[in-house]
């Protein structure tokens, strides 16, 4: 499948890009080279290749969820410049 110069112009209009004549020629050549490569890939026999979703044989890379004690509130607030009750006090950003 080959791309025509009118299709390159159409894509340029869709993208709201004004293309010079040199750019149209360059993009026409580059897009046709990409399509030629895709045609070459379509010739590869993949009938006996199993579909894959990962490149490595990993089932679940996540750790198991475990309940652990969290940081003490007083310890977490110890370096805060200003504290109100048991929370950080920060300057307001919305009036």
PDB file of N, CA and C in Angstrom:
ATOM      1  N   UNK A   1       0.857  -1.178   0.000  1.00  0.00           N
ATOM      2  CA  UNK A   1       0.000   0.000   0.000  1.00  0.00           C
ATOM      3  C   UNK A   1       0.901   1.238   0.000  1.00  0.00           C
ATOM      4  N   UNK A   2       0.656   2.103  -0.898  1.00  0.00           N
ATOM      5  CA  UNK A   2       1.443   3.332  -1.016  1.00  0.00           C
ATOM      6  C   UNK A   2       0.571   4.534  -0.652  1.00  0.00           C
ATOM      7  N   UNK A   3       1.218   5.519  -0.075  1.00  0.00           N
ATOM      8  CA  UNK A   3       0.541   6.766   0.274  1.00  0.00           C
ATOM      9  C   UNK A   3       0.740   7.737  -0.880  1.00  0.00           C
ATOM     10  N   UNK A   4      -0.281   8.496  -1.192  1.00  0.00           N
ATOM     11  CA  UNK A   4      -0.179   9.490  -2.254  1.00  0.00           C
ATOM     12  C   UNK A   4       0.073  10.869  -1.655  1.00  0.00           C
ATOM     13  N   UNK A   5       0.519  11.788  -2.488  1.00  0.00           N
ATOM     14  CA  UNK A   5       0.790  13.151  -1.999  1.00  0.00           C
ATOM     15  C   UNK A   5      -0.494  13.826  -1.529  1.00  0.00           C
ATOM     16  N   UNK A   6      -1.626  13.483  -2.146  1.00  0.00           N
ATOM     17  CA  UNK A   6      -2.887  14.080  -1.682  1.00  0.00           C
ATOM     18  C   UNK A   6      -3.245  13.578  -0.284  1.00  0.00           C
ATOM     19  N   UNK A   7      -2.877  12.342   0.046  1.00  0.00           N
ATOM     20  CA  UNK A   7      -3.124  11.835   1.397  1.00  0.00           C
ATOM     21  C   UNK A   7      -2.224  12.521   2.420  1.00  0.00           C
ATOM     22  N   UNK A   8      -0.990  12.809   2.015  1.00  0.00           N
ATOM     23  CA  UNK A   8      -0.090  13.551   2.903  1.00  0.00           C
ATOM     24  C   UNK A   8      -0.657  14.944   3.160  1.00  0.00           C
ATOM     25  N   UNK A   9      -1.148  15.610   2.125  1.00  0.00           N
ATOM     26  CA  UNK A   9      -1.768  16.925   2.280  1.00  0.00           C
ATOM     27  C   UNK A   9      -2.991  16.844   3.188  1.00  0.00           C
ATOM     28  N   UNK A  10      -3.789  15.798   3.024  1.00  0.00           N
ATOM     29  CA  UNK A  10      -4.998  15.621   3.835  1.00  0.00           C
ATOM     30  C   UNK A  10      -4.635  15.457   5.316  1.00  0.00           C
ATOM     31  N   UNK A  11      -3.628  14.640   5.599  1.00  0.00           N
ATOM     32  CA  UNK A  11      -3.193  14.452   6.985  1.00  0.00           C
ATOM     33  C   UNK A  11      -2.657  15.766   7.547  1.00  0.00           C
ATOM     34  N   UNK A  12      -1.934  16.522   6.733  1.00  0.00           N
ATOM     35  CA  UNK A  12      -1.446  17.828   7.172  1.00  0.00           C
ATOM     36  C   UNK A  12      -2.592  18.761   7.525  1.00  0.00           C
ATOM     37  N   UNK A  13      -3.645  18.750   6.715  1.00  0.00           N
ATOM     38  CA  UNK A  13      -4.819  19.590   7.012  1.00  0.00           C
ATOM     39  C   UNK A  13      -5.510  19.139   8.294  1.00  0.00           C
ATOM     40  N   UNK A  14      -5.619  17.821   8.479  1.00  0.00           N
ATOM     41  CA  UNK A  14      -6.248  17.312   9.697  1.00  0.00           C
ATOM     42  C   UNK A  14      -5.459  17.726  10.939  1.00  0.00           C
ATOM     43  N   UNK A  15      -4.132  17.756  10.806  1.00  0.00           N
ATOM     44  CA  UNK A  15      -3.268  18.123  11.928  1.00  0.00           C
ATOM     45  C   UNK A  15      -3.096  19.637  12.032  1.00  0.00           C
ATOM     46  N   UNK A  16      -3.702  20.368  11.111  1.00  0.00           N
ATOM     47  CA  UNK A  16      -3.585  21.826  11.077  1.00  0.00           C
ATOM     48  C   UNK A  16      -2.123  22.264  10.936  1.00  0.00           C
ATOM     49  N   UNK A  17      -1.402  21.534  10.063  1.00  0.00           N
ATOM     50  CA  UNK A  17       0.005  21.828   9.808  1.00  0.00           C
ATOM     51  C   UNK A  17       0.147  22.233   8.342  1.00  0.00           C
ATOM     52  N   UNK A  18       0.739  23.395   8.125  1.00  0.00           N
ATOM     53  CA  UNK A  18       0.987  23.821   6.755  1.00  0.00           C
ATOM     54  C   UNK A  18       2.324  23.221   6.318  1.00  0.00           C
ATOM     55  N   UNK A  19       2.291  22.410   5.270  1.00  0.00           N
ATOM     56  CA  UNK A  19       3.482  21.714   4.789  1.00  0.00           C
ATOM     57  C   UNK A  19       3.992  22.362   3.515  1.00  0.00           C
ATOM     58  N   UNK A  20       5.304  22.565   3.456  1.00  0.00           N
ATOM     59  CA  UNK A  20       5.911  23.061   2.217  1.00  0.00           C
ATOM     60  C   UNK A  20       5.991  21.893   1.224  1.00  0.00           C
ATOM     61  N   UNK A  21       6.302  22.211  -0.010  1.00  0.00           N
ATOM     62  CA  UNK A  21       6.420  21.153  -1.028  1.00  0.00           C
ATOM     63  C   UNK A  21       7.540  20.182  -0.677  1.00  0.00           C
ATOM     64  N   UNK A  22       8.652  20.708  -0.130  1.00  0.00           N
ATOM     65  CA  UNK A  22       9.758  19.829   0.274  1.00  0.00           C
ATOM     66  C   UNK A  22       9.337  18.903   1.414  1.00  0.00           C
ATOM     67  N   UNK A  23       8.584  19.429   2.370  1.00  0.00           N
ATOM     68  CA  UNK A  23       8.119  18.605   3.497  1.00  0.00           C
ATOM     69  C   UNK A  23       7.153  17.532   3.013  1.00  0.00           C
ATOM     70  N   UNK A  24       6.279  17.885   2.082  1.00  0.00           N
ATOM     71  CA  UNK A  24       5.345  16.896   1.533  1.00  0.00           C
ATOM     72  C   UNK A  24       6.097  15.742   0.873  1.00  0.00           C
ATOM     73  N   UNK A  25       7.136  16.087   0.099  1.00  0.00           N
ATOM     74  CA  UNK A  25       7.933  15.048  -0.564  1.00  0.00           C
ATOM     75  C   UNK A  25       8.649  14.177   0.463  1.00  0.00           C
ATOM     76  N   UNK A  26       9.219  14.828   1.494  1.00  0.00           N
ATOM     77  CA  UNK A  26       9.952  14.077   2.523  1.00  0.00           C
ATOM     78  C   UNK A  26       9.013  13.150   3.288  1.00  0.00           C
ATOM     79  N   UNK A  27       7.842  13.680   3.715  1.00  0.00           N
ATOM     80  CA  UNK A  27       6.896  12.852   4.468  1.00  0.00           C
ATOM     81  C   UNK A  27       6.328  11.731   3.598  1.00  0.00           C
ATOM     82  N   UNK A  28       6.103  11.999   2.333  1.00  0.00           N
ATOM     83  CA  UNK A  28       5.625  10.964   1.422  1.00  0.00           C
ATOM     84  C   UNK A  28       6.636   9.826   1.363  1.00  0.00           C
ATOM     85  N   UNK A  29       7.909  10.165   1.242  1.00  0.00           N
ATOM     86  CA  UNK A  29       8.960   9.152   1.190  1.00  0.00           C
ATOM     87  C   UNK A  29       9.060   8.387   2.510  1.00  0.00           C
ATOM     88  N   UNK A  30       9.045   9.112   3.635  1.00  0.00           N
ATOM     89  CA  UNK A  30       9.187   8.471   4.946  1.00  0.00           C
ATOM     90  C   UNK A  30       7.996   7.567   5.265  1.00  0.00           C
ATOM     91  N   UNK A  31       6.787   8.046   4.971  1.00  0.00           N
ATOM     92  CA  UNK A  31       5.603   7.229   5.258  1.00  0.00           C
ATOM     93  C   UNK A  31       5.563   5.984   4.388  1.00  0.00           C
ATOM     94  N   UNK A  32       5.961   6.101   3.133  1.00  0.00           N
ATOM     95  CA  UNK A  32       6.002   4.924   2.264  1.00  0.00           C
ATOM     96  C   UNK A  32       7.077   3.943   2.720  1.00  0.00           C
ATOM     97  N   UNK A  33       8.188   4.443   3.251  1.00  0.00           N
ATOM     98  CA  UNK A  33       9.223   3.551   3.779  1.00  0.00           C
ATOM     99  C   UNK A  33       8.691   2.780   4.987  1.00  0.00           C
ATOM    100  N   UNK A  34       7.922   3.442   5.836  1.00  0.00           N
ATOM    101  CA  UNK A  34       7.324   2.771   6.995  1.00  0.00           C
ATOM    102  C   UNK A  34       6.355   1.683   6.534  1.00  0.00           C
ATOM    103  N   UNK A  35       5.523   2.012   5.560  1.00  0.00           N
ATOM    104  CA  UNK A  35       4.564   1.026   5.054  1.00  0.00           C
ATOM    105  C   UNK A  35       5.267  -0.147   4.362  1.00  0.00           C
ATOM    106  N   UNK A  36       6.359   0.128   3.677  1.00  0.00           N
ATOM    107  CA  UNK A  36       7.135  -0.959   3.061  1.00  0.00           C
ATOM    108  C   UNK A  36       7.678  -1.892   4.133  1.00  0.00           C
ATOM    109  N   UNK A  37       8.157  -1.325   5.228  1.00  0.00           N
ATOM    110  CA  UNK A  37       8.670  -2.139   6.334  1.00  0.00           C
ATOM    111  C   UNK A  37       7.542  -2.969   6.946  1.00  0.00           C
ATOM    112  N   UNK A  38       6.366  -2.386   7.110  1.00  0.00           N
ATOM    113  CA  UNK A  38       5.224  -3.126   7.652  1.00  0.00           C
ATOM    114  C   UNK A  38       4.837  -4.272   6.709  1.00  0.00           C
ATOM    115  N   UNK A  39       4.909  -4.033   5.411  1.00  0.00           N
ATOM    116  CA  UNK A  39       4.638  -5.112   4.448  1.00  0.00           C
ATOM    117  C   UNK A  39       5.650  -6.238   4.614  1.00  0.00           C
ATOM    118  N   UNK A  40       6.907  -5.877   4.855  1.00  0.00           N
ATOM    119  CA  UNK A  40       7.938  -6.889   5.058  1.00  0.00           C
ATOM    120  C   UNK A  40       7.639  -7.697   6.329  1.00  0.00           C
ATOM    121  N   UNK A  41       7.218  -7.027   7.389  1.00  0.00           N
ATOM    122  CA  UNK A  41       6.885  -7.734   8.628  1.00  0.00           C
ATOM    123  C   UNK A  41       5.682  -8.654   8.460  1.00  0.00           C
ATOM    124  N   UNK A  42       4.748  -8.271   7.608  1.00  0.00           N
ATOM    125  CA  UNK A  42       3.561  -9.115   7.417  1.00  0.00           C
ATOM    126  C   UNK A  42       3.901 -10.435   6.725  1.00  0.00           C
ATOM    127  N   UNK A  43       5.087 -10.541   6.126  1.00  0.00           N
ATOM    128  CA  UNK A  43       5.505 -11.788   5.478  1.00  0.00           C
ATOM    129  C   UNK A  43       6.052 -12.817   6.465  1.00  0.00           C
ATOM    130  N   UNK A  44       6.343 -12.383   7.689  1.00  0.00           N
ATOM    131  CA  UNK A  44       6.904 -13.285   8.694  1.00  0.00           C
ATOM    132  C   UNK A  44       5.820 -14.256   9.155  1.00  0.00           C
ATOM    133  N   UNK A  45       6.168 -15.548   9.173  1.00  0.00           N
ATOM    134  CA  UNK A  45       5.217 -16.579   9.600  1.00  0.00           C
ATOM    135  C   UNK A  45       5.150 -16.608  11.130  1.00  0.00           C
ATOM    136  N   UNK A  46       3.992 -16.263  11.674  1.00  0.00           N
ATOM    137  CA  UNK A  46       3.807 -16.241  13.134  1.00  0.00           C
ATOM    138  C   UNK A  46       2.747 -17.248  13.582  1.00  0.00           C
ATOM    139  N   UNK A  47       2.433 -18.206  12.732  1.00  0.00           N
ATOM    140  CA  UNK A  47       1.371 -19.163  13.063  1.00  0.00           C
ATOM    141  C   UNK A  47       1.685 -20.003  14.298  1.00  0.00           C
ATOM    142  N   UNK A  48       2.933 -20.402  14.488  1.00  0.00           N
ATOM    143  CA  UNK A  48       3.288 -21.260  15.621  1.00  0.00           C
ATOM    144  C   UNK A  48       3.875 -20.481  16.799  1.00  0.00           C
ATOM    145  N   UNK A  49       3.661 -19.185  16.821  1.00  0.00           N
ATOM    146  CA  UNK A  49       4.160 -18.339  17.901  1.00  0.00           C
ATOM    147  C   UNK A  49       2.999 -18.016  18.841  1.00  0.00           C
ATOM    148  N   UNK A  50       3.184 -18.353  20.113  1.00  0.00           N
ATOM    149  CA  UNK A  50       2.127 -18.079  21.102  1.00  0.00           C
ATOM    150  C   UNK A  50       2.080 -16.593  21.406  1.00  0.00           C
ATOM    151  N   UNK A  51       0.876 -16.053  21.569  1.00  0.00           N
ATOM    152  CA  UNK A  51       0.765 -14.640  21.938  1.00  0.00           C
ATOM    153  C   UNK A  51       1.398 -14.389  23.308  1.00  0.00           C
ATOM    154  N   UNK A  52       2.046 -13.257  23.472  1.00  0.00           N
ATOM    155  CA  UNK A  52       2.673 -12.927  24.751  1.00  0.00           C
ATOM    156  C   UNK A  52       2.222 -11.545  25.197  1.00  0.00           C
ATOM    157  N   UNK A  53       2.182 -11.363  26.506  1.00  0.00           N
ATOM    158  CA  UNK A  53       1.871 -10.049  27.057  1.00  0.00           C
ATOM    159  C   UNK A  53       3.065  -9.480  27.795  1.00  0.00           C
ATOM    160  N   UNK A  54       4.029 -10.352  28.155  1.00  0.00           N
ATOM    161  CA  UNK A  54       5.240  -9.927  28.842  1.00  0.00           C
ATOM    162  C   UNK A  54       6.443 -10.565  28.169  1.00  0.00           C
ATOM    163  N   UNK A  55       7.559  -9.880  28.243  1.00  0.00           N
ATOM    164  CA  UNK A  55       8.776 -10.442  27.663  1.00  0.00           C
ATOM    165  C   UNK A  55       9.431 -11.443  28.597  1.00  0.00           C
ATOM    166  N   UNK A  56       9.070 -11.404  29.878  1.00  0.00           N
ATOM    167  CA  UNK A  56       9.630 -12.333  30.851  1.00  0.00           C
ATOM    168  C   UNK A  56       8.499 -13.159  31.448  1.00  0.00           C
ATOM    169  N   UNK A  57       8.841 -14.299  31.985  1.00  0.00           N
ATOM    170  CA  UNK A  57       7.840 -15.196  32.540  1.00  0.00           C
ATOM    171  C   UNK A  57       7.533 -14.804  33.987  1.00  0.00           C
ATOM    172  N   UNK A  58       6.861 -13.688  34.157  1.00  0.00           N
ATOM    173  CA  UNK A  58       6.505 -13.182  35.482  1.00  0.00           C
ATOM    174  C   UNK A  58       4.996 -13.281  35.648  1.00  0.00           C
ATOM    175  N   UNK A  59       4.576 -13.886  36.733  1.00  0.00           N
ATOM    176  CA  UNK A  59       3.142 -14.012  36.976  1.00  0.00           C
ATOM    177  C   UNK A  59       2.621 -12.799  37.733  1.00  0.00           C
ATOM    178  N   UNK A  60       3.247 -12.476  38.875  1.00  0.00           N
ATOM    179  CA  UNK A  60       2.834 -11.319  39.645  1.00  0.00           C
ATOM    180  C   UNK A  60       4.061 -10.762  40.359  1.00  0.00           C
ATOM    181  N   UNK A  61       4.447  -9.569  39.980  1.00  0.00           N
ATOM    182  CA  UNK A  61       5.644  -8.968  40.560  1.00  0.00           C
ATOM    183  C   UNK A  61       5.330  -8.143  41.795  1.00  0.00           C
ATOM    184  N   UNK A  62       4.092  -8.101  42.216  1.00  0.00           N
ATOM    185  CA  UNK A  62       3.707  -7.302  43.370  1.00  0.00           C
ATOM    186  C   UNK A  62       3.896  -8.084  44.656  1.00  0.00           C
ATOM    187  N   UNK A  63       4.221  -7.393  45.707  1.00  0.00           N
ATOM    188  CA  UNK A  63       4.383  -8.049  46.997  1.00  0.00           C
ATOM    189  C   UNK A  63       3.006  -8.301  47.618  1.00  0.00           C
ATOM    190  N   UNK A  64       2.968  -9.192  48.561  1.00  0.00           N
ATOM    191  CA  UNK A  64       1.730  -9.492  49.274  1.00  0.00           C
ATOM    192  C   UNK A  64       1.396  -8.324  50.207  1.00  0.00           C
ATOM    193  N   UNK A  65       0.128  -7.953  50.294  1.00  0.00           N
ATOM    194  CA  UNK A  65      -0.290  -6.895  51.208  1.00  0.00           C
ATOM    195  C   UNK A  65      -0.225  -7.402  52.644  1.00  0.00           C
ATOM    196  N   UNK A  66       0.447  -6.636  53.488  1.00  0.00           N
ATOM    197  CA  UNK A  66       0.534  -6.970  54.899  1.00  0.00           C
ATOM    198  C   UNK A  66       0.277  -5.716  55.717  1.00  0.00           C
ATOM    199  N   UNK A  67      -0.484  -5.849  56.775  1.00  0.00           N
ATOM    200  CA  UNK A  67      -0.735  -4.727  57.659  1.00  0.00           C
ATOM    201  C   UNK A  67       0.478  -4.548  58.557  1.00  0.00           C
ATOM    202  N   UNK A  68       1.023  -3.321  58.561  1.00  0.00           N
ATOM    203  CA  UNK A  68       2.166  -3.008  59.401  1.00  0.00           C
ATOM    204  C   UNK A  68       1.841  -1.722  60.160  1.00  0.00           C
ATOM    205  N   UNK A  69       2.452  -1.543  61.301  1.00  0.00           N
ATOM    206  CA  UNK A  69       2.215  -0.292  62.025  1.00  0.00           C
ATOM    207  C   UNK A  69       2.767   0.887  61.226  1.00  0.00           C
ATOM    208  N   UNK A  70       2.023   1.986  61.265  1.00  0.00           N
ATOM    209  CA  UNK A  70       2.472   3.170  60.541  1.00  0.00           C
ATOM    210  C   UNK A  70       3.268   4.079  61.464  1.00  0.00           C
ATOM    211  N   UNK A  71       3.754   5.145  60.910  1.00  0.00           N
ATOM    212  CA  UNK A  71       4.568   6.086  61.676  1.00  0.00           C
ATOM    213  C   UNK A  71       3.702   6.779  62.727  1.00  0.00           C
ATOM    214  N   UNK A  72       4.282   7.000  63.879  1.00  0.00           N
ATOM    215  CA  UNK A  72       3.589   7.674  64.962  1.00  0.00           C
ATOM    216  C   UNK A  72       3.266   9.112  64.530  1.00  0.00           C
ATOM    217  N   UNK A  73       2.048   9.608  64.861  1.00  0.00           N
ATOM    218  CA  UNK A  73       1.603  10.939  64.454  1.00  0.00           C
ATOM    219  C   UNK A  73       2.544  12.007  65.000  1.00  0.00           C
ATOM    220  N   UNK A  74       2.896  11.913  66.243  1.00  0.00           N
ATOM    221  CA  UNK A  74       3.789  12.913  66.850  1.00  0.00           C
ATOM    222  C   UNK A  74       5.142  12.918  66.146  1.00  0.00           C
ATOM    223  N   UNK A  75       5.631  11.763  65.775  1.00  0.00           N
ATOM    224  CA  UNK A  75       6.903  11.667  65.074  1.00  0.00           C
ATOM    225  C   UNK A  75       6.791  12.296  63.685  1.00  0.00           C
ATOM    226  N   UNK A  76       5.686  12.041  62.987  1.00  0.00           N
ATOM    227  CA  UNK A  76       5.478  12.590  61.649  1.00  0.00           C
ATOM    228  C   UNK A  76       5.387  14.106  61.690  1.00  0.00           C
ATOM    229  N   UNK A  77       4.795  14.653  62.740  1.00  0.00           N
ATOM    230  CA  UNK A  77       4.615  16.099  62.846  1.00  0.00           C
ATOM    231  C   UNK A  77       5.800  16.805  63.504  1.00  0.00           C
ATOM    232  N   UNK A  78       6.800  16.079  63.934  1.00  0.00           N
ATOM    233  CA  UNK A  78       7.887  16.670  64.712  1.00  0.00           C
ATOM    234  C   UNK A  78       8.695  17.717  63.941  1.00  0.00           C
ATOM    235  N   UNK A  79       8.800  17.606  62.633  1.00  0.00           N
ATOM    236  CA  UNK A  79       9.558  18.579  61.836  1.00  0.00           C
ATOM    237  C   UNK A  79       8.675  19.608  61.144  1.00  0.00           C
ATOM    238  N   UNK A  80       7.375  19.560  61.396  1.00  0.00           N
ATOM    239  CA  UNK A  80       6.458  20.492  60.741  1.00  0.00           C
ATOM    240  C   UNK A  80       6.665  21.897  61.305  1.00  0.00           C
ATOM    241  N   UNK A  81       6.681  22.923  60.438  1.00  0.00           N
ATOM    242  CA  UNK A  81       6.837  24.281  60.940  1.00  0.00           C
ATOM    243  C   UNK A  81       5.642  24.733  61.772  1.00  0.00           C
ATOM    244  N   UNK A  82       4.466  24.213  61.435  1.00  0.00           N
ATOM    245  CA  UNK A  82       3.275  24.603  62.191  1.00  0.00           C
ATOM    246  C   UNK A  82       2.306  23.425  62.221  1.00  0.00           C
ATOM    247  N   UNK A  83       1.728  23.165  63.386  1.00  0.00           N
ATOM    248  CA  UNK A  83       0.816  22.031  63.579  1.00  0.00           C
ATOM    249  C   UNK A  83      -0.489  22.558  64.163  1.00  0.00           C
ATOM    250  N   UNK A  84      -1.611  21.992  63.700  1.00  0.00           N
ATOM    251  CA  UNK A  84      -2.917  22.301  64.281  1.00  0.00           C
ATOM    252  C   UNK A  84      -3.572  20.976  64.610  1.00  0.00           C
ATOM    253  N   UNK A  85      -3.837  20.770  65.902  1.00  0.00           N
ATOM    254  CA  UNK A  85      -4.342  19.503  66.416  1.00  0.00           C
ATOM    255  C   UNK A  85      -3.384  18.391  65.984  1.00  0.00           C
ATOM    256  N   UNK A  86      -3.807  17.454  65.169  1.00  0.00           N
ATOM    257  CA  UNK A  86      -2.894  16.382  64.761  1.00  0.00           C
ATOM    258  C   UNK A  86      -2.667  16.404  63.250  1.00  0.00           C
ATOM    259  N   UNK A  87      -2.588  17.635  62.684  1.00  0.00           N
ATOM    260  CA  UNK A  87      -2.370  17.771  61.244  1.00  0.00           C
ATOM    261  C   UNK A  87      -1.332  18.841  60.951  1.00  0.00           C
ATOM    262  N   UNK A  88      -0.793  18.822  59.743  1.00  0.00           N
ATOM    263  CA  UNK A  88       0.095  19.872  59.287  1.00  0.00           C
ATOM    264  C   UNK A  88      -0.754  21.105  59.018  1.00  0.00           C
ATOM    265  N   UNK A  89      -0.276  22.277  59.427  1.00  0.00           N
ATOM    266  CA  UNK A  89      -0.974  23.525  59.105  1.00  0.00           C
ATOM    267  C   UNK A  89      -0.183  24.193  57.985  1.00  0.00           C
ATOM    268  N   UNK A  90      -0.884  24.484  56.889  1.00  0.00           N
ATOM    269  CA  UNK A  90      -0.227  25.103  55.735  1.00  0.00           C
ATOM    270  C   UNK A  90      -0.973  26.386  55.368  1.00  0.00           C
ATOM    271  N   UNK A  91      -0.307  27.306  54.697  1.00  0.00           N
ATOM    272  CA  UNK A  91      -0.983  28.543  54.290  1.00  0.00           C
ATOM    273  C   UNK A  91      -2.106  28.233  53.309  1.00  0.00           C
ATOM    274  N   UNK A  92      -3.174  29.007  53.384  1.00  0.00           N
ATOM    275  CA  UNK A  92      -4.294  28.830  52.455  1.00  0.00           C
ATOM    276  C   UNK A  92      -3.902  29.240  51.038  1.00  0.00           C
ATOM    277  N   UNK A  93      -4.440  28.544  50.051  1.00  0.00           N
ATOM    278  CA  UNK A  93      -4.146  28.867  48.671  1.00  0.00           C
ATOM    279  C   UNK A  93      -5.397  29.302  47.914  1.00  0.00           C
ATOM    280  N   UNK A  94      -6.551  29.104  48.514  1.00  0.00           N
ATOM    281  CA  UNK A  94      -7.817  29.488  47.883  1.00  0.00           C
ATOM    282  C   UNK A  94      -8.490  30.511  48.771  1.00  0.00           C
ATOM    283  N   UNK A  95      -8.890  31.615  48.180  1.00  0.00           N
ATOM    284  CA  UNK A  95      -9.561  32.645  48.976  1.00  0.00           C
ATOM    285  C   UNK A  95     -11.055  32.443  48.947  1.00  0.00           C
TER     286      UNK A  95
END
